[in-house]
């Protein structure tokens, strides 16, 4: 049976961190499970957890009153979820719903912030990793938008001309 420390140490998001740092982070961690349809968190709730997905699929959704939930991203094994623990006012901006049975390591956001304040090196290291992931997701969203809306064909406008 693997410990939380083992699970964190094997996850790509934390690759390259030394065992002492992994042990420090494991003090904020718990193993969680979600069944299909269960929410890990909802938009507007306190962003008190950061999730490292061990296995499963999670839909990141935004609620549109006229249409209901709209999936804006799907996260799978090896990915991370819930970066709002790091940014004031510490509220989730989206819903996160398990699409299939999902297991994750949940890191307590208040505990993480306290450890980052106490150890700026740790804070800097986590910030670099979160920023890289956010950058990759922003780029992927841009590509999806270009696929969805396109920039050629009838009625297309060249935004550079404005």
C-alpha atoms as a PDB file:
ATOM      1  CA  UNK A   1       0.000   0.000   0.000  1.00  0.00           C
ATOM      2  CA  UNK A   2       1.347   3.410  -0.999  1.00  0.00           C
ATOM      3  CA  UNK A   3       1.526   6.331   1.382  1.00  0.00           C
ATOM      4  CA  UNK A   4       0.426   9.869   0.521  1.00  0.00           C
ATOM      5  CA  UNK A   5       4.108  10.739   0.391  1.00  0.00           C
ATOM      6  CA  UNK A   6       4.676   8.000  -2.216  1.00  0.00           C
ATOM      7  CA  UNK A   7       1.700   9.182  -4.291  1.00  0.00           C
ATOM      8  CA  UNK A   8       2.892  12.792  -4.265  1.00  0.00           C
ATOM      9  CA  UNK A   9       6.468  11.803  -5.042  1.00  0.00           C
ATOM     10  CA  UNK A  10       5.354   9.893  -8.143  1.00  0.00           C
ATOM     11  CA  UNK A  11       3.101  12.619  -9.570  1.00  0.00           C
ATOM     12  CA  UNK A  12       4.422  14.553 -12.618  1.00  0.00           C
ATOM     13  CA  UNK A  13       3.366  17.928 -11.150  1.00  0.00           C
ATOM     14  CA  UNK A  14       5.823  17.458  -8.283  1.00  0.00           C
ATOM     15  CA  UNK A  15       8.591  15.746 -10.262  1.00  0.00           C
ATOM     16  CA  UNK A  16      12.060  16.811  -9.216  1.00  0.00           C
ATOM     17  CA  UNK A  17      11.172  17.911  -5.693  1.00  0.00           C
ATOM     18  CA  UNK A  18      13.336  16.382  -2.984  1.00  0.00           C
ATOM     19  CA  UNK A  19      11.946  13.880  -0.462  1.00  0.00           C
ATOM     20  CA  UNK A  20      11.973  16.453   2.337  1.00  0.00           C
ATOM     21  CA  UNK A  21       9.763  18.810   0.347  1.00  0.00           C
ATOM     22  CA  UNK A  22       7.421  15.950  -0.604  1.00  0.00           C
ATOM     23  CA  UNK A  23       7.219  14.989   3.098  1.00  0.00           C
ATOM     24  CA  UNK A  24       6.379  18.613   3.966  1.00  0.00           C
ATOM     25  CA  UNK A  25       3.590  18.711   1.367  1.00  0.00           C
ATOM     26  CA  UNK A  26       2.191  15.361   2.506  1.00  0.00           C
ATOM     27  CA  UNK A  27       1.366  17.017   5.835  1.00  0.00           C
ATOM     28  CA  UNK A  28      -1.340  18.957   3.957  1.00  0.00           C
ATOM     29  CA  UNK A  29      -2.630  15.987   1.952  1.00  0.00           C
ATOM     30  CA  UNK A  30      -5.422  13.435   2.033  1.00  0.00           C
ATOM     31  CA  UNK A  31      -6.567  10.804  -0.438  1.00  0.00           C
ATOM     32  CA  UNK A  32     -10.073  11.514  -1.821  1.00  0.00           C
ATOM     33  CA  UNK A  33     -12.456   9.683  -4.131  1.00  0.00           C
ATOM     34  CA  UNK A  34     -15.406  10.880  -6.206  1.00  0.00           C
ATOM     35  CA  UNK A  35     -18.056   8.817  -7.962  1.00  0.00           C
ATOM     36  CA  UNK A  36     -19.336   9.775 -11.413  1.00  0.00           C
ATOM     37  CA  UNK A  37     -21.509  12.874 -11.102  1.00  0.00           C
ATOM     38  CA  UNK A  38     -20.059  13.970  -7.747  1.00  0.00           C
ATOM     39  CA  UNK A  39     -18.606  17.462  -7.480  1.00  0.00           C
ATOM     40  CA  UNK A  40     -15.155  18.007  -6.047  1.00  0.00           C
ATOM     41  CA  UNK A  41     -16.040  21.681  -5.745  1.00  0.00           C
ATOM     42  CA  UNK A  42     -18.544  24.262  -6.995  1.00  0.00           C
ATOM     43  CA  UNK A  43     -18.105  27.753  -8.385  1.00  0.00           C
ATOM     44  CA  UNK A  44     -18.079  30.384  -5.622  1.00  0.00           C
ATOM     45  CA  UNK A  45     -17.133  27.997  -2.818  1.00  0.00           C
ATOM     46  CA  UNK A  46     -14.037  28.613  -0.710  1.00  0.00           C
ATOM     47  CA  UNK A  47     -11.037  27.361  -2.653  1.00  0.00           C
ATOM     48  CA  UNK A  48      -9.689  25.328   0.201  1.00  0.00           C
ATOM     49  CA  UNK A  49      -8.251  22.371  -1.739  1.00  0.00           C
ATOM     50  CA  UNK A  50      -5.903  21.703  -4.620  1.00  0.00           C
ATOM     51  CA  UNK A  51      -6.251  18.321  -6.330  1.00  0.00           C
ATOM     52  CA  UNK A  52      -3.646  16.076  -7.897  1.00  0.00           C
ATOM     53  CA  UNK A  53      -5.560  13.540  -9.998  1.00  0.00           C
ATOM     54  CA  UNK A  54      -4.284   9.999  -9.520  1.00  0.00           C
ATOM     55  CA  UNK A  55      -6.812   8.428 -11.880  1.00  0.00           C
ATOM     56  CA  UNK A  56     -10.175   9.277 -13.382  1.00  0.00           C
ATOM     57  CA  UNK A  57     -11.732  12.079 -15.405  1.00  0.00           C
ATOM     58  CA  UNK A  58     -13.003  15.435 -14.107  1.00  0.00           C
ATOM     59  CA  UNK A  59     -15.068  17.930 -16.119  1.00  0.00           C
ATOM     60  CA  UNK A  60     -14.390  21.595 -15.434  1.00  0.00           C
ATOM     61  CA  UNK A  61     -17.690  23.370 -15.993  1.00  0.00           C
ATOM     62  CA  UNK A  62     -19.233  26.797 -15.924  1.00  0.00           C
ATOM     63  CA  UNK A  63     -22.948  27.172 -15.360  1.00  0.00           C
ATOM     64  CA  UNK A  64     -24.866  29.115 -18.007  1.00  0.00           C
ATOM     65  CA  UNK A  65     -28.406  29.858 -16.772  1.00  0.00           C
ATOM     66  CA  UNK A  66     -30.121  29.282 -20.123  1.00  0.00           C
ATOM     67  CA  UNK A  67     -28.187  26.105 -21.007  1.00  0.00           C
ATOM     68  CA  UNK A  68     -27.013  24.604 -17.729  1.00  0.00           C
ATOM     69  CA  UNK A  69     -23.448  23.363 -17.251  1.00  0.00           C
ATOM     70  CA  UNK A  70     -20.977  23.857 -20.095  1.00  0.00           C
ATOM     71  CA  UNK A  71     -17.796  21.778 -20.041  1.00  0.00           C
ATOM     72  CA  UNK A  72     -14.822  24.037 -20.685  1.00  0.00           C
ATOM     73  CA  UNK A  73     -12.092  21.485 -19.993  1.00  0.00           C
ATOM     74  CA  UNK A  74     -11.633  17.840 -19.115  1.00  0.00           C
ATOM     75  CA  UNK A  75      -8.823  16.750 -16.831  1.00  0.00           C
ATOM     76  CA  UNK A  76      -7.507  13.224 -16.514  1.00  0.00           C
ATOM     77  CA  UNK A  77      -4.988  11.035 -14.740  1.00  0.00           C
ATOM     78  CA  UNK A  78      -1.786  12.944 -13.998  1.00  0.00           C
ATOM     79  CA  UNK A  79      -3.306  16.427 -14.133  1.00  0.00           C
ATOM     80  CA  UNK A  80      -3.999  19.010 -11.412  1.00  0.00           C
ATOM     81  CA  UNK A  81      -7.107  20.940 -10.478  1.00  0.00           C
ATOM     82  CA  UNK A  82      -8.154  23.847  -8.271  1.00  0.00           C
ATOM     83  CA  UNK A  83      -5.515  26.580  -8.547  1.00  0.00           C
ATOM     84  CA  UNK A  84      -7.765  29.106  -6.821  1.00  0.00           C
ATOM     85  CA  UNK A  85      -6.211  28.078  -3.459  1.00  0.00           C
ATOM     86  CA  UNK A  86      -3.300  30.284  -4.495  1.00  0.00           C
ATOM     87  CA  UNK A  87      -5.095  33.492  -5.554  1.00  0.00           C
ATOM     88  CA  UNK A  88      -7.173  35.789  -3.362  1.00  0.00           C
ATOM     89  CA  UNK A  89     -10.074  35.835  -2.674  1.00  0.00           C
ATOM     90  CA  UNK A  90      -9.567  32.022  -2.640  1.00  0.00           C
ATOM     91  CA  UNK A  91     -12.851  31.129  -4.369  1.00  0.00           C
ATOM     92  CA  UNK A  92     -13.329  28.532  -7.076  1.00  0.00           C
ATOM     93  CA  UNK A  93     -14.199  30.043 -10.456  1.00  0.00           C
ATOM     94  CA  UNK A  94     -15.699  26.843 -11.926  1.00  0.00           C
ATOM     95  CA  UNK A  95     -17.392  23.598 -10.989  1.00  0.00           C
ATOM     96  CA  UNK A  96     -15.376  20.369 -11.011  1.00  0.00           C
ATOM     97  CA  UNK A  97     -17.437  17.203 -11.542  1.00  0.00           C
ATOM     98  CA  UNK A  98     -16.175  13.628 -11.708  1.00  0.00           C
ATOM     99  CA  UNK A  99     -17.111  12.103 -15.066  1.00  0.00           C
ATOM    100  CA  UNK A 100     -15.911   8.663 -14.015  1.00  0.00           C
ATOM    101  CA  UNK A 101     -14.639   7.224 -10.743  1.00  0.00           C
ATOM    102  CA  UNK A 102     -11.823   9.515  -9.720  1.00  0.00           C
ATOM    103  CA  UNK A 103      -9.137   9.316  -7.076  1.00  0.00           C
ATOM    104  CA  UNK A 104      -7.000  12.310  -6.177  1.00  0.00           C
ATOM    105  CA  UNK A 105      -4.680  13.606  -3.541  1.00  0.00           C
ATOM    106  CA  UNK A 106      -6.324  16.665  -2.024  1.00  0.00           C
ATOM    107  CA  UNK A 107      -3.962  19.287  -0.621  1.00  0.00           C
ATOM    108  CA  UNK A 108      -5.420  21.695   1.934  1.00  0.00           C
ATOM    109  CA  UNK A 109      -5.054  25.230   0.551  1.00  0.00           C
ATOM    110  CA  UNK A 110      -4.729  26.975   3.933  1.00  0.00           C
ATOM    111  CA  UNK A 111      -2.023  24.508   4.969  1.00  0.00           C
ATOM    112  CA  UNK A 112      -0.210  24.966   1.618  1.00  0.00           C
ATOM    113  CA  UNK A 113      -0.287  28.762   1.882  1.00  0.00           C
ATOM    114  CA  UNK A 114       1.122  28.595   5.416  1.00  0.00           C
ATOM    115  CA  UNK A 115       3.959  26.305   4.302  1.00  0.00           C
ATOM    116  CA  UNK A 116       4.707  28.586   1.336  1.00  0.00           C
ATOM    117  CA  UNK A 117       4.821  31.643   3.618  1.00  0.00           C
ATOM    118  CA  UNK A 118       7.176  29.818   5.998  1.00  0.00           C
ATOM    119  CA  UNK A 119       9.392  28.562   3.163  1.00  0.00           C
ATOM    120  CA  UNK A 120       9.629  31.032   0.246  1.00  0.00           C
ATOM    121  CA  UNK A 121      11.661  28.498  -1.755  1.00  0.00           C
ATOM    122  CA  UNK A 122       8.710  26.083  -1.601  1.00  0.00           C
ATOM    123  CA  UNK A 123       6.296  28.880  -2.516  1.00  0.00           C
ATOM    124  CA  UNK A 124       8.422  29.848  -5.507  1.00  0.00           C
ATOM    125  CA  UNK A 125       8.694  26.234  -6.661  1.00  0.00           C
ATOM    126  CA  UNK A 126       4.924  25.652  -6.444  1.00  0.00           C
ATOM    127  CA  UNK A 127       4.195  28.986  -8.125  1.00  0.00           C
ATOM    128  CA  UNK A 128       6.449  28.044 -11.071  1.00  0.00           C
ATOM    129  CA  UNK A 129       4.635  24.737 -11.473  1.00  0.00           C
ATOM    130  CA  UNK A 130       1.162  26.256 -11.178  1.00  0.00           C
ATOM    131  CA  UNK A 131       2.075  29.053 -13.609  1.00  0.00           C
ATOM    132  CA  UNK A 132       3.415  26.570 -16.172  1.00  0.00           C
ATOM    133  CA  UNK A 133       0.200  24.521 -15.946  1.00  0.00           C
ATOM    134  CA  UNK A 134      -1.996  27.620 -16.217  1.00  0.00           C
ATOM    135  CA  UNK A 135       0.008  28.766 -19.256  1.00  0.00           C
ATOM    136  CA  UNK A 136      -0.438  25.386 -20.955  1.00  0.00           C
ATOM    137  CA  UNK A 137      -4.195  25.427 -20.285  1.00  0.00           C
ATOM    138  CA  UNK A 138      -4.554  29.004 -21.510  1.00  0.00           C
ATOM    139  CA  UNK A 139      -2.746  28.055 -24.721  1.00  0.00           C
ATOM    140  CA  UNK A 140      -4.970  24.968 -25.152  1.00  0.00           C
ATOM    141  CA  UNK A 141      -8.067  27.142 -24.615  1.00  0.00           C
ATOM    142  CA  UNK A 142      -6.844  29.558 -27.274  1.00  0.00           C
ATOM    143  CA  UNK A 143      -6.379  26.713 -29.748  1.00  0.00           C
ATOM    144  CA  UNK A 144      -9.890  25.384 -28.969  1.00  0.00           C
ATOM    145  CA  UNK A 145     -11.352  28.859 -29.507  1.00  0.00           C
ATOM    146  CA  UNK A 146      -9.594  29.174 -32.864  1.00  0.00           C
ATOM    147  CA  UNK A 147     -10.965  25.765 -33.856  1.00  0.00           C
ATOM    148  CA  UNK A 148     -14.441  26.737 -32.696  1.00  0.00           C
ATOM    149  CA  UNK A 149     -14.642  30.235 -34.158  1.00  0.00           C
ATOM    150  CA  UNK A 150     -12.028  30.098 -36.898  1.00  0.00           C
ATOM    151  CA  UNK A 151     -10.455  33.103 -38.543  1.00  0.00           C
ATOM    152  CA  UNK A 152     -11.242  32.496 -42.192  1.00  0.00           C
ATOM    153  CA  UNK A 153     -14.299  32.174 -44.307  1.00  0.00           C
ATOM    154  CA  UNK A 154     -17.391  34.312 -44.842  1.00  0.00           C
ATOM    155  CA  UNK A 155     -17.812  37.087 -42.299  1.00  0.00           C
ATOM    156  CA  UNK A 156     -14.389  36.656 -40.685  1.00  0.00           C
ATOM    157  CA  UNK A 157     -12.764  39.832 -39.448  1.00  0.00           C
ATOM    158  CA  UNK A 158      -9.060  40.432 -39.218  1.00  0.00           C
ATOM    159  CA  UNK A 159      -8.624  41.760 -35.667  1.00  0.00           C
ATOM    160  CA  UNK A 160      -5.286  43.353 -36.610  1.00  0.00           C
ATOM    161  CA  UNK A 161      -7.150  45.710 -38.941  1.00  0.00           C
ATOM    162  CA  UNK A 162      -9.074  47.280 -36.059  1.00  0.00           C
END
